[in-house]
């Protein structure tokens, strides 16, 4: 199955592709690489999930927020590339978690995004290298921000 077919089978809805909140591009293609800027927790209505893991949000809520960030990244890919099928594989994911100083389970939060990508592109192409780190704060008090690097399919 293609990435588009895999996504459709999940029954999930993409939020609107987020607009930059500063001086940057949401996506940049360089040869066969597609760099996606840090994305936040944009919901389907355009609003943001806000809160801090370990303070106002549980780890389960944080993982769901990370999946929502993954959906926002997919929305940006689709809006700019036309199809998720243009992506060959995930190369790298950097996940930042807005959490209390004593929170230690950052990778479990970012799994919300990584598991989504694995379902869309399969375990061979949907899982790349990854970092998951804790932050003292994130813009607008969002619980998760994620940036990613993808390899593009060759176009004939």
Protein backbone atom coordinates (compact mmCIF):
# COMPACT_ATOMS: atom_id res chain seq x y z
CA UNK A 1 0.00 0.00 0.00
CA UNK A 2 1.09 3.58 -0.62
CA UNK A 3 1.58 6.18 2.11
CA UNK A 4 -1.68 7.86 1.05
CA UNK A 5 -3.54 4.54 1.28
CA UNK A 6 -1.96 3.76 4.66
CA UNK A 7 -2.97 7.17 5.99
CA UNK A 8 -6.53 6.82 4.69
CA UNK A 9 -6.81 3.43 6.42
CA UNK A 10 -6.00 5.06 9.78
CA UNK A 11 -9.20 7.11 9.65
CA UNK A 12 -7.42 10.22 10.94
CA UNK A 13 -7.96 13.79 9.76
CA UNK A 14 -5.21 16.23 8.87
CA UNK A 15 -5.36 19.64 10.55
CA UNK A 16 -4.80 22.72 8.40
CA UNK A 17 -1.15 23.05 7.39
CA UNK A 18 0.29 25.52 9.92
CA UNK A 19 1.44 28.93 8.76
CA UNK A 20 4.88 30.15 9.92
CA UNK A 21 4.76 32.22 13.11
CA UNK A 22 8.13 33.80 12.39
CA UNK A 23 10.66 34.36 9.63
CA UNK A 24 11.16 30.82 8.29
CA UNK A 25 9.79 28.34 5.77
CA UNK A 26 7.68 25.44 7.02
CA UNK A 27 9.35 23.12 4.51
CA UNK A 28 12.44 23.25 2.32
CA UNK A 29 13.36 20.82 -0.44
CA UNK A 30 17.08 20.44 -1.17
CA UNK A 31 17.73 17.83 -3.83
CA UNK A 32 16.24 14.59 -2.52
CA UNK A 33 15.89 15.86 1.05
CA UNK A 34 12.85 17.53 2.54
CA UNK A 35 13.44 19.48 5.74
CA UNK A 36 10.38 20.29 7.85
CA UNK A 37 10.63 23.08 10.42
CA UNK A 38 9.49 22.61 13.98
CA UNK A 39 5.74 22.01 14.13
CA UNK A 40 3.40 22.37 17.07
CA UNK A 41 0.20 20.82 18.28
CA UNK A 42 -2.25 22.22 15.71
CA UNK A 43 -5.71 20.69 16.11
CA UNK A 44 -8.24 20.23 13.32
CA UNK A 45 -9.94 23.54 14.18
CA UNK A 46 -6.60 25.39 13.93
CA UNK A 47 -6.24 25.90 17.69
CA UNK A 48 -3.33 24.50 19.71
CA UNK A 49 -3.09 21.87 22.40
CA UNK A 50 -1.38 23.69 25.27
CA UNK A 51 0.11 22.59 28.56
CA UNK A 52 3.15 21.07 30.18
CA UNK A 53 3.80 17.36 30.66
CA UNK A 54 3.96 16.50 34.37
CA UNK A 55 2.12 19.68 35.32
CA UNK A 56 -1.13 20.12 33.40
CA UNK A 57 -0.89 17.15 31.01
CA UNK A 58 -0.33 13.44 31.62
CA UNK A 59 2.21 11.43 29.63
CA UNK A 60 -0.69 9.85 27.71
CA UNK A 61 -1.99 13.30 26.78
CA UNK A 62 1.55 14.26 25.77
CA UNK A 63 1.85 11.24 23.49
CA UNK A 64 -1.50 12.16 21.87
CA UNK A 65 -0.19 15.71 21.43
CA UNK A 66 2.91 14.33 19.69
CA UNK A 67 0.67 12.38 17.31
CA UNK A 68 -1.17 15.63 16.59
CA UNK A 69 2.18 17.26 15.76
CA UNK A 70 2.86 14.36 13.40
CA UNK A 71 -0.47 15.05 11.71
CA UNK A 72 0.47 18.73 11.34
CA UNK A 73 3.76 17.66 9.70
CA UNK A 74 1.83 15.39 7.33
CA UNK A 75 -0.47 18.32 6.49
CA UNK A 76 2.54 20.48 5.61
CA UNK A 77 4.05 17.71 3.48
CA UNK A 78 0.79 17.19 1.62
CA UNK A 79 0.17 20.93 1.13
CA UNK A 80 3.67 21.53 -0.24
CA UNK A 81 4.43 18.27 -2.07
CA UNK A 82 0.92 17.34 -3.20
CA UNK A 83 1.05 13.78 -1.83
CA UNK A 84 2.54 11.79 1.02
CA UNK A 85 3.67 9.35 -1.67
CA UNK A 86 6.44 11.82 -2.56
CA UNK A 87 8.24 10.78 0.64
CA UNK A 88 10.51 7.75 0.33
CA UNK A 89 11.49 7.51 3.99
CA UNK A 90 11.88 9.27 7.31
CA UNK A 91 15.51 10.13 7.97
CA UNK A 92 15.43 12.01 11.30
CA UNK A 93 12.96 13.25 13.89
CA UNK A 94 13.81 15.72 16.64
CA UNK A 95 11.16 15.89 19.35
CA UNK A 96 11.10 18.56 22.04
CA UNK A 97 8.91 18.05 25.10
CA UNK A 98 7.70 20.90 27.31
CA UNK A 99 7.87 19.20 30.70
CA UNK A 100 8.66 19.56 34.36
CA UNK A 101 12.30 19.19 35.41
CA UNK A 102 11.67 15.79 37.00
CA UNK A 103 10.03 14.25 33.90
CA UNK A 104 12.26 11.57 32.35
CA UNK A 105 10.16 9.75 29.73
CA UNK A 106 10.64 12.04 26.72
CA UNK A 107 10.98 9.19 24.19
CA UNK A 108 7.57 7.80 25.18
CA UNK A 109 5.97 11.15 24.37
CA UNK A 110 7.62 11.45 20.94
CA UNK A 111 6.53 7.89 20.14
CA UNK A 112 3.13 9.44 19.37
CA UNK A 113 4.64 10.96 16.22
CA UNK A 114 7.06 8.14 15.44
CA UNK A 115 4.33 5.49 15.62
CA UNK A 116 2.19 7.55 13.23
CA UNK A 117 5.03 7.83 10.70
CA UNK A 118 5.67 4.07 10.99
CA UNK A 119 2.02 3.42 10.15
CA UNK A 120 2.09 5.78 7.16
CA UNK A 121 5.40 4.68 5.58
CA UNK A 122 5.83 1.25 7.19
CA UNK A 123 8.46 0.21 9.71
CA UNK A 124 11.23 -0.01 7.11
CA UNK A 125 10.79 3.54 5.74
CA UNK A 126 8.74 5.23 8.46
CA UNK A 127 11.28 4.90 11.28
CA UNK A 128 14.45 6.96 11.11
CA UNK A 129 16.97 8.17 13.64
CA UNK A 130 15.55 10.28 16.45
CA UNK A 131 16.23 12.49 19.42
CA UNK A 132 13.74 13.28 22.18
CA UNK A 133 14.63 16.00 24.65
CA UNK A 134 12.98 17.93 27.47
CA UNK A 135 12.58 21.69 27.38
CA UNK A 136 11.81 24.25 30.05
CA UNK A 137 9.23 25.84 27.76
CA UNK A 138 8.02 25.85 24.16
CA UNK A 139 6.28 28.56 22.10
CA UNK A 140 2.71 29.36 23.25
CA UNK A 141 3.10 26.73 26.01
CA UNK A 142 2.60 23.85 23.55
CA UNK A 143 3.58 20.48 25.04
CA UNK A 144 5.49 19.17 22.00
CA UNK A 145 7.40 20.56 19.03
CA UNK A 146 8.85 18.28 16.36
CA UNK A 147 11.03 18.85 13.30
CA UNK A 148 11.86 16.19 10.74
CA UNK A 149 13.99 15.32 7.74
CA UNK A 150 12.69 13.11 4.93
CA UNK A 151 14.12 11.58 1.76
CA UNK A 152 12.05 12.19 -1.36
CA UNK A 153 11.19 9.62 -3.99
CA UNK A 154 13.00 10.15 -7.27
CA UNK A 155 10.80 11.75 -9.88
CA UNK A 156 11.14 10.39 -13.42
